[in-house]
Amino acid sequence: MIRSAILAEKAVAKAATKAAAKPAASAAGASAAKAPSMSTEETTMPWEGWFTSFLKDKLGEERFESLRRSTVYMPDDPHSLHQAPNPRTKINLTDDEEGPTAQFRYPSPGSQPPVEQPTEDAGTMYEDPYVTSHYTRDTARRGLDPAFPNPDIERLKLDLLPEDDPRVQEAKAIFEEGAKSSPGNKGMFATGKSDYDPQGLRASMSASHEALNESLDANMPDHLPYPDWWTKQDEIIAWHKERGLPVPIGGTGWGTVPREGRIARW
């Protein structure tokens, strides 16, 4: 018994030495390995189905099929009741056995190029990948903040008020002085001077009203939207002239109540 244990120990040591002598795959070689586009056609479990083959050989095809249908739940299931389909299993998409088939995970996802999903429209991305702020180009909500109103509208309001009123004069002085909040730290942080963003809009501590207004001005929409009746101008004019009615400015009809809604129900 002792001799057998010694021989076994020598065999294990020899196998371990032989395995250690094999050159290990380098990290570069491992990363350069290309993933296969489809799963292997050879089974990794050659012993699977040995009992079924044994019974079929001893009982015959007909008797084995009768026994299988009387004992197996859902004998015609193409996946053999496996929750995850076998990669080599092909499912017919039609009743024709020679028709098209579908196969699980083909081609292999690892062999496909990565998906390129743009986060923004072309031409609106910043060169700096760390610029993720939206307020610098949020023109839709510009002037809605009571603490940061639209200067043009505020100027019109002050021009409509009596100029000799001291309160109006004080309000005009404050308006001309501009906003005092958020002056920006000019790039001076606790860690020292920072020059990665000359405008100072990448960090809230360095942002200023002047830089924000300049950024919003550069992102203001410059397109001219057309009303929905723009393509029906001739039709609208002809309809009113035929009935001797004055031609309206643009197309009307929005907000009108239909005839059924104007009929009394009592």
Protein backbone atom coordinates (compact mmCIF):
# COMPACT_ATOMS: atom_id res chain seq x y z
CA MET A 1 0.00 0.00 0.00
CA ILE A 2 2.89 2.33 0.88
CA ARG A 3 4.57 1.52 -2.42
CA SER A 4 1.36 2.37 -4.33
CA ALA A 5 1.07 5.69 -2.53
CA ILE A 6 4.69 6.54 -3.37
CA LEU A 7 4.18 5.65 -7.04
CA ALA A 8 1.04 7.75 -7.15
CA GLU A 9 2.83 10.69 -5.57
CA LYS A 10 5.64 10.44 -8.15
CA ALA A 11 3.12 10.32 -10.98
CA VAL A 12 1.36 13.45 -9.73
CA ALA A 13 4.66 15.28 -9.29
CA LYS A 14 5.75 14.32 -12.80
CA ALA A 15 2.48 15.53 -14.31
CA ALA A 16 2.70 18.81 -12.43
CA THR A 17 6.29 19.36 -13.57
CA LYS A 18 5.33 18.66 -17.17
CA ALA A 19 2.41 21.08 -17.02
CA ALA A 20 4.56 23.78 -15.47
CA ALA A 21 7.15 23.40 -18.22
CA LYS A 22 4.60 24.38 -20.90
CA PRO A 23 4.90 28.04 -21.99
CA ALA A 24 2.02 30.14 -20.70
CA ALA A 25 -0.01 32.15 -23.17
CA SER A 26 0.97 35.82 -23.10
CA ALA A 27 -1.53 38.53 -22.29
CA ALA A 28 -1.08 40.01 -25.76
CA GLY A 29 -1.78 36.69 -27.39
CA ALA A 30 -4.83 36.12 -25.23
CA SER A 31 -6.28 39.54 -26.05
CA ALA A 32 -5.61 39.08 -29.77
CA ALA A 33 -7.52 35.79 -29.88
CA LYS A 34 -10.50 36.14 -32.20
CA ALA A 35 -13.84 34.88 -30.97
CA PRO A 36 -15.46 32.25 -33.22
CA SER A 37 -18.43 33.37 -35.27
CA MET A 38 -20.42 30.22 -34.46
CA SER A 39 -20.47 27.49 -31.85
CA THR A 40 -18.62 24.23 -32.35
CA GLU A 41 -20.33 21.43 -34.23
CA GLU A 42 -18.69 18.80 -32.00
CA THR A 43 -20.40 17.90 -28.77
CA THR A 44 -18.55 18.63 -25.54
CA MET A 45 -20.39 15.77 -23.79
CA PRO A 46 -19.90 12.63 -25.93
CA TRP A 47 -21.30 10.47 -23.15
CA GLU A 48 -24.69 12.19 -23.30
CA GLY A 49 -27.46 9.89 -24.57
CA TRP A 50 -25.60 6.62 -23.96
CA PHE A 51 -28.54 5.12 -22.06
CA THR A 52 -30.97 6.07 -24.82
CA SER A 53 -28.71 4.52 -27.43
CA PHE A 54 -28.42 1.37 -25.33
CA LEU A 55 -32.19 0.95 -25.00
CA LYS A 56 -32.77 1.69 -28.68
CA ASP A 57 -30.22 -0.96 -29.64
CA LYS A 58 -31.75 -3.60 -27.35
CA LEU A 59 -35.47 -2.87 -27.81
CA GLY A 60 -35.56 -1.76 -31.41
CA GLU A 61 -36.69 1.52 -32.92
CA GLU A 62 -40.45 0.91 -32.70
CA ARG A 63 -40.59 -0.47 -29.16
CA PHE A 64 -38.16 2.15 -27.89
CA GLU A 65 -40.26 4.97 -29.37
CA SER A 66 -43.42 3.56 -27.77
CA LEU A 67 -41.68 3.32 -24.39
CA ARG A 68 -40.25 6.83 -24.72
CA ARG A 69 -43.64 8.41 -25.48
CA SER A 70 -45.27 6.66 -22.54
CA THR A 71 -42.64 7.73 -20.00
CA VAL A 72 -41.12 11.05 -21.20
CA TYR A 73 -42.94 14.36 -20.67
CA MET A 74 -43.22 16.29 -23.95
CA PRO A 75 -41.17 13.85 -26.03
CA ASP A 76 -41.33 16.09 -29.12
CA ASP A 77 -39.77 19.13 -27.43
CA PRO A 78 -36.87 20.16 -29.72
CA HIS A 79 -34.85 21.41 -26.73
CA SER A 80 -35.35 18.26 -24.63
CA LEU A 81 -36.89 20.45 -21.92
CA HIS A 82 -33.65 22.42 -21.47
CA GLN A 83 -34.29 25.99 -20.33
CA ALA A 84 -31.36 27.31 -22.39
CA PRO A 85 -31.42 25.97 -25.97
CA ASN A 86 -28.43 24.03 -27.18
CA PRO A 87 -26.40 26.21 -29.56
CA ARG A 88 -26.40 23.41 -32.14
CA THR A 89 -30.18 22.96 -32.15
CA LYS A 90 -31.95 24.28 -35.25
CA ILE A 91 -35.68 25.07 -35.16
CA ASN A 92 -37.79 24.95 -38.31
CA LEU A 93 -39.63 28.19 -38.93
CA THR A 94 -42.18 26.56 -41.22
CA ASP A 95 -43.89 23.19 -41.50
CA ASP A 96 -41.51 22.28 -44.29
CA GLU A 97 -38.59 20.29 -42.88
CA GLU A 98 -36.37 21.62 -45.65
CA GLY A 99 -37.43 25.19 -45.02
CA PRO A 100 -35.57 27.95 -43.19
CA THR A 101 -34.36 27.35 -39.66
CA ALA A 102 -33.33 29.46 -36.68
CA GLN A 103 -30.40 28.72 -34.43
CA PHE A 104 -29.61 30.07 -30.97
CA ARG A 105 -26.87 32.72 -30.76
CA TYR A 106 -25.72 32.63 -34.37
CA PRO A 107 -23.53 34.33 -35.27
CA SER A 108 -21.80 34.62 -31.93
CA PRO A 109 -22.25 38.06 -30.31
CA GLY A 110 -18.56 38.11 -29.43
CA SER A 111 -17.63 38.03 -33.12
CA GLN A 112 -19.69 41.09 -34.04
CA PRO A 113 -18.29 44.64 -34.14
CA PRO A 114 -19.28 46.89 -31.23
CA VAL A 115 -22.43 48.96 -31.59
CA GLU A 116 -21.90 52.65 -32.33
CA GLN A 117 -24.73 54.63 -30.78
CA PRO A 118 -24.24 58.40 -31.02
CA THR A 119 -25.31 60.33 -27.95
CA GLU A 120 -26.01 63.55 -29.86
CA ASP A 121 -26.52 64.79 -33.38
CA ALA A 122 -23.47 65.35 -35.52
CA GLY A 123 -22.10 68.86 -35.10
CA THR A 124 -23.32 69.38 -31.53
CA MET A 125 -20.71 67.33 -29.71
CA TYR A 126 -17.90 68.98 -27.85
CA GLU A 127 -14.27 68.16 -28.46
CA ASP A 128 -13.78 67.77 -24.72
CA PRO A 129 -15.29 64.39 -23.71
CA TYR A 130 -15.77 65.61 -20.12
CA VAL A 131 -18.22 68.35 -21.07
CA THR A 132 -21.58 66.86 -20.11
CA SER A 133 -23.48 70.02 -19.10
CA HIS A 134 -26.75 70.90 -20.78
CA TYR A 135 -27.44 74.33 -19.29
CA THR A 136 -24.84 75.91 -21.59
CA ARG A 137 -27.10 75.24 -24.61
CA ASP A 138 -30.54 75.01 -23.01
CA THR A 139 -32.07 77.81 -25.08
CA ALA A 140 -35.65 76.52 -24.64
CA ARG A 141 -35.72 77.59 -20.98
CA ARG A 142 -33.70 80.74 -21.41
CA GLY A 143 -35.20 83.66 -19.54
CA LEU A 144 -37.71 81.57 -17.58
CA ASP A 145 -35.78 81.67 -14.32
CA PRO A 146 -37.00 84.65 -12.20
CA ALA A 147 -33.46 85.09 -10.86
CA PHE A 148 -32.05 85.21 -14.38
CA PRO A 149 -34.69 86.96 -16.56
CA ASN A 150 -34.46 87.90 -20.20
CA PRO A 151 -32.62 91.26 -20.36
CA ASP A 152 -34.50 92.45 -23.46
CA ILE A 153 -37.89 91.93 -21.82
CA GLU A 154 -36.74 93.56 -18.59
CA ARG A 155 -35.54 96.61 -20.53
CA LEU A 156 -38.94 96.95 -22.26
CA LYS A 157 -40.69 96.75 -18.91
CA LEU A 158 -38.55 99.54 -17.46
CA ASP A 159 -39.04 101.75 -20.55
CA LEU A 160 -42.84 101.59 -20.08
CA LEU A 161 -42.63 102.89 -16.52
CA PRO A 162 -42.46 106.62 -15.58
CA GLU A 163 -38.88 107.83 -15.72
CA ASP A 164 -39.24 110.37 -12.88
CA ASP A 165 -40.17 107.71 -10.36
CA PRO A 166 -37.20 107.11 -8.01
CA ARG A 167 -38.06 103.44 -7.78
CA VAL A 168 -37.84 103.11 -11.55
CA GLN A 169 -34.53 104.94 -11.60
CA GLU A 170 -33.18 102.60 -8.93
CA ALA A 171 -34.40 99.55 -10.87
CA LYS A 172 -32.74 100.85 -14.04
CA ALA A 173 -29.46 101.34 -12.19
CA ILE A 174 -29.60 97.78 -10.86
CA PHE A 175 -30.46 96.51 -14.34
CA GLU A 176 -27.54 98.32 -15.97
CA GLU A 177 -25.18 97.00 -13.32
CA GLY A 178 -26.08 93.44 -14.25
CA ALA A 179 -26.20 90.28 -12.20
CA LYS A 180 -23.84 90.12 -9.24
CA SER A 181 -24.31 86.41 -8.55
CA SER A 182 -22.04 83.73 -10.02
CA PRO A 183 -19.09 85.94 -10.95
CA GLY A 184 -16.94 82.86 -11.50
CA ASN A 185 -13.66 82.09 -9.77
CA LYS A 186 -11.58 82.75 -12.91
CA GLY A 187 -10.25 79.20 -12.79
CA MET A 188 -8.84 79.48 -9.26
CA PHE A 189 -9.64 76.30 -7.35
CA ALA A 190 -8.40 74.93 -4.04
CA THR A 191 -5.87 72.85 -5.96
CA GLY A 192 -4.54 75.87 -7.83
CA LYS A 193 -5.02 77.62 -11.15
CA SER A 194 -6.88 75.59 -13.78
CA ASP A 195 -6.80 76.35 -17.50
CA TYR A 196 -8.55 73.32 -18.99
CA ASP A 197 -11.67 75.40 -19.71
CA PRO A 198 -11.04 79.04 -20.67
CA GLN A 199 -14.77 79.85 -20.60
CA GLY A 200 -15.24 78.33 -17.16
CA LEU A 201 -18.51 76.56 -18.00
CA ARG A 202 -17.34 73.03 -17.27
CA ALA A 203 -17.53 73.55 -13.51
CA SER A 204 -20.27 75.45 -11.69
CA MET A 205 -17.71 77.21 -9.46
CA SER A 206 -16.03 78.84 -12.44
CA ALA A 207 -19.18 79.58 -14.49
CA SER A 208 -20.27 83.19 -14.96
CA HIS A 209 -23.27 84.95 -16.42
CA GLU A 210 -21.19 86.53 -19.18
CA ALA A 211 -19.82 83.18 -20.37
CA LEU A 212 -23.25 81.53 -20.09
CA ASN A 213 -24.93 84.25 -22.17
CA GLU A 214 -22.23 83.94 -24.80
CA SER A 215 -22.73 80.17 -24.97
CA LEU A 216 -26.52 80.51 -25.17
CA ASP A 217 -26.22 83.11 -27.94
CA ALA A 218 -24.06 80.72 -29.94
CA ASN A 219 -26.64 77.93 -29.54
CA MET A 220 -29.78 79.94 -30.26
CA PRO A 221 -31.87 78.39 -33.05
CA ASP A 222 -31.50 80.11 -36.40
CA HIS A 223 -34.19 78.28 -38.37
CA LEU A 224 -37.51 79.83 -39.40
CA PRO A 225 -40.46 77.50 -38.73
CA TYR A 226 -43.44 77.67 -41.05
CA PRO A 227 -47.12 77.38 -39.98
CA ASP A 228 -49.10 74.35 -41.04
CA TRP A 229 -51.19 76.43 -43.48
CA TRP A 230 -48.14 77.68 -45.40
CA THR A 231 -48.60 75.21 -48.25
CA LYS A 232 -52.36 75.95 -48.49
CA GLN A 233 -52.22 79.73 -48.98
CA ASP A 234 -53.73 79.77 -52.47
CA GLU A 235 -56.51 77.43 -51.40
CA ILE A 236 -57.43 79.60 -48.39
CA ILE A 237 -57.45 82.80 -50.49
CA ALA A 238 -59.59 81.23 -53.23
CA TRP A 239 -62.11 79.88 -50.68
CA HIS A 240 -62.70 83.33 -49.15
CA LYS A 241 -62.84 85.16 -52.48
CA GLU A 242 -65.46 82.79 -53.85
CA ARG A 243 -67.71 83.58 -50.87
CA GLY A 244 -66.99 87.31 -50.85
CA LEU A 245 -65.31 87.15 -47.47
CA PRO A 246 -62.27 89.09 -46.32
CA VAL A 247 -59.08 87.08 -46.50
CA PRO A 248 -57.76 86.39 -42.99
CA ILE A 249 -54.15 86.69 -41.95
CA GLY A 250 -53.06 83.09 -42.19
CA GLY A 251 -55.17 80.02 -41.75
CA THR A 252 -57.81 79.96 -39.04
CA GLY A 253 -59.70 77.16 -37.40
CA TRP A 254 -57.64 76.38 -34.36
CA GLY A 255 -59.63 76.34 -31.14
CA THR A 256 -63.08 76.35 -32.80
CA VAL A 257 -65.88 74.19 -31.46
CA PRO A 258 -67.32 71.66 -33.96
CA ARG A 259 -70.97 71.91 -34.98
CA GLU A 260 -71.99 68.91 -32.87
CA GLY A 261 -70.54 70.60 -29.81
CA ARG A 262 -72.64 73.75 -30.32
CA ILE A 263 -75.99 71.93 -30.46
CA ALA A 264 -77.96 72.09 -27.21
CA ARG A 265 -78.60 68.70 -25.65
CA TRP A 266 -81.65 69.54 -23.47
